Protein backbone atom coordinates (compact mmCIF):
# COMPACT_ATOMS: atom_id res chain seq x y z
CA MET A 1 -5.36 -14.08 6.02
CA ALA A 2 -2.07 -12.54 4.87
CA GLU A 3 -2.80 -13.42 1.24
CA ALA A 4 -6.26 -11.81 1.48
CA LEU A 5 -4.69 -8.64 2.89
CA ARG A 6 -2.09 -8.57 0.13
CA ASP A 7 -4.82 -9.06 -2.49
CA ARG A 8 -6.82 -6.21 -0.95
CA ILE A 9 -3.79 -3.90 -1.08
CA VAL A 10 -3.01 -4.85 -4.67
CA ALA A 11 -6.64 -4.31 -5.70
CA ALA A 12 -6.65 -0.85 -4.11
CA VAL A 13 -3.35 0.07 -5.78
CA ARG A 14 -4.62 -1.12 -9.16
CA ASP A 15 -7.82 0.85 -8.74
CA VAL A 16 -6.23 4.12 -7.62
CA LEU A 17 -3.12 4.05 -9.82
CA TYR A 18 -4.73 2.44 -12.89
CA VAL A 19 -2.07 -0.26 -13.19
CA ASP A 20 -2.08 -4.01 -13.83
CA ASP A 21 0.19 -6.91 -12.92
CA SER A 22 2.69 -6.23 -15.70
CA ASP A 23 3.42 -2.80 -14.20
CA PHE A 24 4.81 -4.36 -11.02
CA THR A 25 8.32 -4.84 -12.43
CA ASP A 26 9.77 -5.99 -9.09
CA GLY A 27 6.64 -7.77 -7.90
CA ASP A 28 5.60 -6.85 -4.38
CA ASP A 29 8.85 -4.88 -3.96
CA THR A 30 8.04 -2.42 -6.75
CA ASP A 31 8.29 1.16 -5.48
CA LEU A 32 4.76 2.53 -5.80
CA ARG A 33 6.12 5.97 -6.74
CA GLU A 34 7.32 4.38 -9.98
CA LEU A 35 3.68 3.51 -10.67
CA GLY A 36 2.47 7.06 -10.13
CA LEU A 37 1.86 7.23 -6.38
CA ASP A 38 1.78 10.81 -5.17
CA SER A 39 0.39 12.44 -2.03
CA VAL A 40 -3.17 12.71 -3.38
CA ARG A 41 -3.26 9.09 -4.49
CA PHE A 42 -1.67 8.04 -1.19
CA VAL A 43 -4.61 9.61 0.66
CA LEU A 44 -7.06 7.86 -1.67
CA LEU A 45 -5.33 4.53 -1.02
CA MET A 46 -5.47 5.08 2.75
CA LYS A 47 -9.19 5.73 2.43
CA GLN A 48 -9.77 2.60 0.33
CA LEU A 49 -7.77 0.50 2.77
CA GLY A 50 -9.65 1.90 5.76
CA VAL A 51 -6.58 3.49 7.35
CA GLU A 52 -7.41 6.41 9.62
CA ARG A 53 -5.46 9.53 8.71
CA GLU A 54 -4.93 10.46 12.36
CA SER A 55 -3.37 7.11 13.27
CA ASP A 56 0.34 6.31 13.23
CA VAL A 57 -0.14 3.94 10.27
CA PRO A 58 0.05 6.39 7.30
CA PRO A 59 3.53 7.67 8.23
CA ARG A 60 4.71 4.09 8.64
CA LEU A 61 3.31 3.17 5.23
CA ALA A 62 4.95 6.25 3.71
CA ASN A 63 8.37 5.08 4.94
CA GLU A 64 8.38 2.14 2.54
CA LEU A 65 6.12 2.39 -0.49
CA THR A 66 5.81 -1.22 -1.61
CA ILE A 67 3.06 -3.84 -1.49
CA ALA A 68 5.32 -6.10 0.61
CA ALA A 69 5.95 -3.41 3.23
CA TRP A 70 2.31 -2.38 3.39
CA ALA A 71 1.24 -5.98 3.89
CA ARG A 72 3.69 -6.26 6.80
CA VAL A 73 2.52 -3.02 8.43
CA LEU A 74 -1.20 -3.56 7.87
CA GLY A 75 -0.94 -7.22 8.81
CA ASN A 76 0.49 -6.34 12.21
CA PRO A 77 -0.32 -2.69 13.03
CA ASP A 78 0.96 -3.10 16.61
CA ASP A 79 4.45 -3.99 15.37
CA LEU A 80 6.35 -0.73 15.40
CA ALA A 81 9.46 -2.19 13.72
């Protein structure tokens, strides 16, 4: 399940930011801002990932802008760590 979630996140990031695997210089720890993530694209990603804007999830995702962090947060949304 975790791998499917990660793949879903990566696919959404690729689609919204127009990047491919070679752009992820630090793998899943690549800062998405380095790939062009801005506030507009962040909202588009939240929409693609099915994250409700009014929930507490977007601010938690905004705290650490990497695939690895997003997989942790989205994989266990009840974990407030």
